[in-house]
Amino acid sequence: MSYDVYGVGNALVDVQARVSDDFLQALGLNKGIMTLVDDTAQAGVIAQLNGTPVNQCAGGSAANTIVGLAEFGGSAAFVGKVASDEIGDFFLNDMRSLGVDYRVPRASSGQTGTCAVLITPDAQRTMLTNLAVSTSLSPADIDEKMIAKSKYIYVEGYLLTGESTKQAAYRAMSLAKSHGVKVAFTASDPFLINMLRDEIWELITGPVDLFFCNEEEAKSLTGKSDPVQCAAMIHEHAENVALTLGANGSILMHGGETIPVEGVAVDAIDTTGAGDMYAGALLYGITSGMSWHQAGHLASHAAARVVSQLGARLEDKFTSEEVRELVANIR
């Protein structure tokens, strides 16, 4: 079997719930921030959601992107570590039900990672992440044969924060380059840019063929204030750049060309997974024969649709006819 994209990331189960600002304040949480928590703290927060309607799905940044690509009909594999527990069973079943190839041996002990996504009325998401056994992903879990049969690998930046996961990410990128497979990498979070700026620049100037980032990440990385200038500076080192601008759309850089992509006006309910969905739709487009402008147009509409509902999955999936109509007049 061949793959459009082979994703590498933290395997987490997202638990999404709508909460009030008072709920966040009672927990002492800063809105819009991702915080790493231990098993006990996570269990306590989830227990406090008792009686609150929740949505549960396999998640994690790269996993969300792979799911997005699969929902459009792309072929994908995913590498991430789960435990032999009930939550791990849920993750595996959820991914495989979407046709995503997953072959990673489970951790022999511990528990599967979770991410509590707390969504306030202003559509902001505050995340509490318990990485658990996802941090045990190692270079041995990376499958060279599967990478060799892929068009792209997609690596999430969060993996750079752990020694074992970083080694896995670098092995995946090294194998991809040795087999002529393109490497896509996402900055994941502004705090990563601030913490690992030099290392991320080394990746951009080295193995990365397609770099995903948002406006805040791009400004932090380059020190520039204008998004177009940010994208152009990154493009001097990376073959392709996808810089998202929230409701204002995105900027693609390809072949020395600047491709502005319009935003799509919607009433945002939950911004969870917008960037991940954008990446999934863009990767689907460029691996299925679309032009970069067409793929960006599709990605913009996909991101808009996902923020207009709860959760990182598309409740209202795009039909093949919708996709054709969306890109028909885009060149």
Protein backbone atom coordinates (compact mmCIF):
# COMPACT_ATOMS: atom_id res chain seq x y z
CA MET A 1 0.00 0.00 0.00
CA SER A 2 1.19 3.54 -0.76
CA TYR A 3 0.38 6.67 1.22
CA ASP A 4 -0.17 10.30 0.45
CA VAL A 5 1.06 11.25 3.93
CA TYR A 6 2.80 9.41 6.78
CA GLY A 7 2.13 11.37 9.98
CA VAL A 8 4.28 11.36 13.11
CA GLY A 9 3.03 12.89 16.36
CA ASN A 10 1.72 12.53 19.88
CA ALA A 11 -1.20 10.08 20.08
CA LEU A 12 -3.82 11.62 22.34
CA VAL A 13 -7.54 11.32 22.87
CA ASP A 14 -9.20 14.72 22.87
CA VAL A 15 -11.96 15.36 25.38
CA GLN A 16 -13.74 18.54 24.26
CA ALA A 17 -16.27 20.43 26.37
CA ARG A 18 -17.88 23.84 26.42
CA VAL A 19 -17.23 25.65 29.70
CA SER A 20 -17.68 29.10 31.18
CA ASP A 21 -14.99 31.66 31.88
CA ASP A 22 -15.73 31.10 35.57
CA PHE A 23 -14.80 27.42 35.14
CA LEU A 24 -11.36 28.40 33.85
CA GLN A 25 -10.88 30.96 36.58
CA ALA A 26 -11.76 28.42 39.26
CA LEU A 27 -9.04 26.15 37.88
CA GLY A 28 -6.56 29.04 37.71
CA LEU A 29 -6.08 28.59 33.94
CA ASN A 30 -5.01 31.22 31.43
CA LYS A 31 -7.42 31.23 28.50
CA GLY A 32 -6.09 30.11 25.13
CA ILE A 33 -2.97 28.46 26.50
CA MET A 34 -1.87 24.82 26.29
CA THR A 35 -0.62 23.51 29.65
CA LEU A 36 1.07 20.19 30.30
CA VAL A 37 -0.40 18.40 33.32
CA ASP A 38 0.22 15.11 35.12
CA ASP A 39 -2.14 12.14 35.47
CA THR A 40 -3.68 13.36 38.73
CA ALA A 41 -4.37 16.91 37.56
CA GLN A 42 -5.91 15.71 34.30
CA ALA A 43 -8.15 13.22 36.06
CA GLY A 44 -9.32 15.97 38.40
CA VAL A 45 -10.28 18.33 35.58
CA ILE A 46 -12.09 15.62 33.62
CA ALA A 47 -13.95 14.64 36.80
CA GLN A 48 -15.16 18.24 37.13
CA LEU A 49 -16.68 17.98 33.65
CA ASN A 50 -19.06 15.33 34.99
CA GLY A 51 -22.50 16.20 33.64
CA THR A 52 -21.10 18.52 30.97
CA PRO A 53 -21.66 17.28 27.39
CA VAL A 54 -18.32 16.23 25.94
CA ASN A 55 -17.03 15.15 22.56
CA GLN A 56 -14.29 12.53 22.41
CA CYS A 57 -12.07 11.62 19.45
CA ALA A 58 -8.57 10.48 18.57
CA GLY A 59 -6.43 13.59 18.49
CA GLY A 60 -3.09 15.26 18.81
CA SER A 61 -1.84 17.82 16.27
CA ALA A 62 -0.48 15.50 13.57
CA ALA A 63 -3.27 12.97 14.14
CA ASN A 64 -5.86 15.70 13.50
CA THR A 65 -4.13 16.60 10.25
CA ILE A 66 -3.99 12.98 9.14
CA VAL A 67 -7.69 12.59 9.96
CA GLY A 68 -8.45 15.71 7.91
CA LEU A 69 -6.62 14.29 4.91
CA ALA A 70 -8.35 10.93 5.31
CA GLU A 71 -11.78 12.60 5.51
CA PHE A 72 -11.12 14.11 2.08
CA GLY A 73 -10.27 10.67 0.73
CA GLY A 74 -6.49 10.74 1.00
CA SER A 75 -4.48 7.67 1.99
CA ALA A 76 -2.57 8.00 5.23
CA ALA A 77 -0.62 6.28 7.96
CA PHE A 78 0.00 7.55 11.48
CA VAL A 79 2.71 6.84 14.05
CA GLY A 80 2.11 7.63 17.72
CA LYS A 81 2.24 5.70 20.99
CA VAL A 82 -0.77 4.53 22.99
CA ALA A 83 -1.12 2.18 25.96
CA SER A 84 -2.97 -1.12 26.33
CA ASP A 85 -5.92 0.54 27.99
CA GLU A 86 -9.49 1.50 27.16
CA ILE A 87 -8.52 4.94 25.89
CA GLY A 88 -5.85 3.35 23.70
CA ASP A 89 -8.47 1.00 22.27
CA PHE A 90 -10.63 4.01 21.47
CA PHE A 91 -7.76 5.79 19.70
CA LEU A 92 -6.91 2.78 17.55
CA ASN A 93 -10.50 2.03 16.61
CA ASP A 94 -11.22 5.66 15.80
CA MET A 95 -8.20 6.05 13.51
CA ARG A 96 -8.68 2.74 11.77
CA SER A 97 -12.38 3.44 11.19
CA LEU A 98 -11.23 6.34 9.02
CA GLY A 99 -8.93 4.13 7.00
CA VAL A 100 -5.74 5.39 8.63
CA ASP A 101 -3.01 2.73 8.72
CA TYR A 102 -1.67 2.36 12.28
CA ARG A 103 0.85 -0.36 13.16
CA VAL A 104 2.78 0.91 16.20
CA PRO A 105 3.21 -1.56 19.08
CA ARG A 106 1.48 -0.36 22.24
CA ALA A 107 3.35 0.64 25.38
CA SER A 108 3.52 -2.25 27.83
CA SER A 109 2.56 -0.07 30.80
CA GLY A 110 1.18 3.36 31.61
CA GLN A 111 -1.87 5.08 30.17
CA THR A 112 -2.82 6.68 26.88
CA GLY A 113 -2.40 10.44 26.66
CA THR A 114 -5.35 12.80 26.74
CA CYS A 115 -6.02 16.44 25.95
CA ALA A 116 -8.84 18.25 27.72
CA VAL A 117 -10.01 20.97 25.33
CA LEU A 118 -12.04 23.56 27.23
CA ILE A 119 -14.01 25.85 24.92
CA THR A 120 -15.36 29.14 26.24
CA PRO A 121 -18.26 31.13 24.71
CA ASP A 122 -15.83 33.31 22.72
CA ALA A 123 -14.68 30.15 20.83
CA GLN A 124 -11.26 30.19 22.48
CA ARG A 125 -9.81 26.81 23.45
CA THR A 126 -7.76 26.23 26.56
CA MET A 127 -5.97 22.90 26.53
CA LEU A 128 -4.70 20.68 29.32
CA THR A 129 -2.46 17.98 27.90
CA ASN A 130 -1.34 14.83 29.67
CA LEU A 131 1.15 13.25 27.28
CA ALA A 132 1.41 9.99 29.26
CA VAL A 133 2.87 7.16 27.11
CA SER A 134 2.91 9.28 23.94
CA THR A 135 6.34 10.46 25.14
CA SER A 136 7.69 6.92 24.73
CA LEU A 137 7.48 7.07 20.92
CA SER A 138 10.96 6.11 19.75
CA PRO A 139 13.00 5.77 16.53
CA ALA A 140 12.23 2.03 16.58
CA ASP A 141 8.56 2.87 15.96
CA ILE A 142 9.34 4.59 12.65
CA ASP A 143 8.70 2.29 9.69
CA GLU A 144 11.16 2.85 6.83
CA LYS A 145 9.18 0.79 4.32
CA MET A 146 6.02 2.80 4.96
CA ILE A 147 7.91 6.09 4.61
CA ALA A 148 9.43 4.92 1.34
CA LYS A 149 5.92 4.38 -0.04
CA SER A 150 4.72 7.87 0.95
CA LYS A 151 4.60 11.17 -0.95
CA TYR A 152 5.04 13.24 2.20
CA ILE A 153 5.76 12.74 5.86
CA TYR A 154 4.18 15.21 8.28
CA VAL A 155 5.87 15.88 11.62
CA GLU A 156 4.48 17.93 14.49
CA GLY A 157 6.77 20.32 16.32
CA TYR A 158 5.59 19.18 19.74
CA LEU A 159 7.78 16.08 19.29
CA LEU A 160 10.88 18.23 19.71
CA THR A 161 10.13 18.72 23.41
CA GLY A 162 10.97 15.11 24.39
CA GLU A 163 14.26 13.30 23.86
CA SER A 164 12.78 10.02 22.59
CA THR A 165 10.09 11.69 20.48
CA LYS A 166 12.65 14.10 19.01
CA GLN A 167 14.81 11.16 17.96
CA ALA A 168 11.77 9.57 16.34
CA ALA A 169 10.99 12.80 14.45
CA TYR A 170 14.56 13.15 13.21
CA ARG A 171 14.71 9.51 12.12
CA ALA A 172 11.50 9.93 10.16
CA MET A 173 12.86 13.02 8.41
CA SER A 174 16.19 11.37 7.69
CA LEU A 175 14.54 8.29 6.18
CA ALA A 176 12.22 10.48 4.14
CA LYS A 177 15.11 12.37 2.58
CA SER A 178 16.99 9.15 1.84
CA HIS A 179 13.98 7.86 -0.11
CA GLY A 180 13.15 11.10 -1.90
CA VAL A 181 10.01 11.69 0.18
CA LYS A 182 8.95 15.27 0.92
CA VAL A 183 9.02 16.49 4.54
CA ALA A 184 6.27 18.72 5.97
CA PHE A 185 6.74 20.16 9.44
CA THR A 186 4.42 22.25 11.61
CA ALA A 187 5.63 24.76 14.19
CA SER A 188 2.74 23.59 16.42
CA ASP A 189 2.81 26.38 19.00
CA PRO A 190 4.41 29.83 19.55
CA PHE A 191 6.08 28.60 22.74
CA LEU A 192 8.06 26.11 20.65
CA ILE A 193 9.39 28.88 18.43
CA ASN A 194 10.46 30.87 21.45
CA MET A 195 12.11 27.85 23.06
CA LEU A 196 13.67 26.21 19.99
CA ARG A 197 14.08 29.01 17.43
CA ASP A 198 17.59 28.02 16.29
CA GLU A 199 16.69 24.35 15.97
CA ILE A 200 13.57 25.11 13.94
CA TRP A 201 15.59 27.34 11.62
CA GLU A 202 18.01 24.44 11.12
CA LEU A 203 15.09 22.22 10.14
CA ILE A 204 13.71 24.83 7.75
CA THR A 205 17.09 25.26 6.07
CA GLY A 206 17.65 21.48 6.13
CA PRO A 207 15.19 18.64 5.59
CA VAL A 208 11.87 20.54 5.64
CA ASP A 209 10.22 20.99 2.22
CA LEU A 210 6.93 22.44 3.48
CA PHE A 211 6.73 24.53 6.64
CA PHE A 212 3.38 25.22 8.33
CA CYS A 213 3.01 28.06 10.82
CA ASN A 214 0.55 30.70 11.96
CA GLU A 215 1.06 34.46 12.00
CA GLU A 216 2.26 34.66 15.60
CA GLU A 217 4.75 31.84 15.07
CA ALA A 218 6.05 33.39 11.85
CA LYS A 219 6.58 36.78 13.48
CA SER A 220 8.41 35.22 16.42
CA LEU A 221 10.56 33.12 14.12
CA THR A 222 11.60 35.92 11.75
CA GLY A 223 11.43 39.02 13.94
CA LYS A 224 9.37 40.75 11.26
CA SER A 225 5.90 42.26 11.70
CA ASP A 226 4.49 41.94 8.19
CA PRO A 227 3.16 38.42 7.41
CA VAL A 228 4.16 38.60 3.73
CA GLN A 229 7.70 39.54 4.69
CA CYS A 230 7.71 36.71 7.24
CA ALA A 231 6.62 34.19 4.62
CA ALA A 232 9.16 35.49 2.09
CA MET A 233 12.01 35.25 4.60
CA ILE A 234 11.09 31.66 5.48
CA HIS A 235 10.72 30.85 1.77
CA GLU A 236 14.35 31.84 1.23
CA HIS A 237 15.20 28.64 3.11
CA ALA A 238 12.17 26.36 2.68
CA GLU A 239 10.85 25.26 -0.70
CA ASN A 240 7.24 25.79 0.37
CA VAL A 241 5.56 27.80 3.16
CA ALA A 242 1.97 27.79 4.42
CA LEU A 243 1.35 30.69 6.82
CA THR A 244 -2.17 30.91 8.24
CA LEU A 245 -3.77 34.22 9.22
CA GLY A 246 -6.90 33.10 11.04
CA ALA A 247 -10.03 34.71 9.62
CA ASN A 248 -7.88 36.63 7.12
CA GLY A 249 -6.92 33.48 5.21
CA SER A 250 -3.36 32.42 4.53
CA ILE A 251 -0.23 33.01 2.51
CA LEU A 252 1.39 30.26 0.47
CA MET A 253 4.89 30.48 -0.92
CA HIS A 254 5.78 28.13 -3.76
CA GLY A 255 8.35 28.37 -6.52
CA GLY A 256 9.24 31.92 -5.53
CA GLU A 257 5.62 32.97 -5.90
CA THR A 258 3.44 34.53 -3.22
CA ILE A 259 -0.07 33.05 -3.29
CA PRO A 260 -2.59 34.92 -1.12
CA VAL A 261 -5.54 32.77 -0.06
CA GLU A 262 -8.74 34.44 1.07
CA GLY A 263 -10.38 33.75 4.40
CA VAL A 264 -13.93 32.43 4.67
CA ALA A 265 -16.34 34.33 6.91
CA VAL A 266 -18.08 32.13 9.48
CA ASP A 267 -19.39 32.41 13.03
CA ALA A 268 -16.64 30.67 14.99
CA ILE A 269 -17.75 28.33 17.75
CA ASP A 270 -14.52 26.50 18.50
CA THR A 271 -11.07 27.17 17.03
CA THR A 272 -9.77 23.71 17.99
CA GLY A 273 -8.01 22.04 15.09
CA ALA A 274 -8.29 24.90 12.60
CA GLY A 275 -4.60 24.83 11.72
CA ASP A 276 -4.52 21.03 11.75
CA MET A 277 -7.48 20.84 9.36
CA TYR A 278 -5.92 23.49 7.12
CA ALA A 279 -2.76 21.36 6.89
CA GLY A 280 -4.73 18.19 6.20
CA ALA A 281 -6.73 19.77 3.38
CA LEU A 282 -3.65 21.43 1.87
CA LEU A 283 -1.70 18.17 1.92
CA TYR A 284 -4.66 16.36 0.37
CA GLY A 285 -4.78 18.94 -2.39
CA ILE A 286 -1.10 18.96 -3.33
CA THR A 287 -0.83 15.15 -3.18
CA SER A 288 -3.92 14.66 -5.36
CA GLY A 289 -2.88 16.86 -8.27
CA MET A 290 -4.28 20.28 -7.33
CA SER A 291 -2.32 23.46 -7.86
CA TRP A 292 -1.04 25.17 -4.71
CA HIS A 293 -3.65 27.89 -5.11
CA GLN A 294 -6.43 25.30 -5.44
CA ALA A 295 -5.16 23.38 -2.41
CA GLY A 296 -4.95 26.58 -0.37
CA HIS A 297 -8.49 27.56 -1.36
CA LEU A 298 -9.77 24.15 -0.25
CA ALA A 299 -7.77 24.37 3.00
CA SER A 300 -9.23 27.79 3.79
CA HIS A 301 -12.77 26.48 3.40
CA ALA A 302 -12.00 23.37 5.46
CA ALA A 303 -10.56 25.42 8.33
CA ALA A 304 -13.59 27.73 8.26
CA ARG A 305 -15.97 24.80 8.40
CA VAL A 306 -14.20 23.18 11.35
CA VAL A 307 -14.26 26.35 13.49
CA SER A 308 -18.00 26.72 12.90
CA GLN A 309 -18.64 23.53 14.91
CA LEU A 310 -17.40 21.85 18.08
CA GLY A 311 -14.26 19.74 17.82
CA ALA A 312 -11.44 19.13 15.35
CA ARG A 313 -13.41 16.75 13.12
CA LEU A 314 -15.68 17.82 10.28
CA GLU A 315 -19.25 17.02 11.23
CA ASP A 316 -20.37 18.11 7.77
CA LYS A 317 -17.82 16.50 5.46
CA PHE A 318 -17.02 17.81 2.00
CA THR A 319 -18.39 15.69 -0.82
CA SER A 320 -16.23 15.04 -3.88
CA GLU A 321 -18.60 17.25 -5.87
CA GLU A 322 -18.15 20.11 -3.39
CA VAL A 323 -14.38 19.80 -3.65
CA ARG A 324 -14.51 19.90 -7.46
CA GLU A 325 -16.78 22.96 -7.41
CA LEU A 326 -14.58 24.76 -4.88
CA VAL A 327 -11.42 24.47 -6.99
CA ALA A 328 -12.99 24.51 -10.47
CA ASN A 329 -12.27 28.18 -11.15
CA ILE A 330 -9.01 28.41 -9.19
CA ARG A 331 -5.74 28.01 -11.02
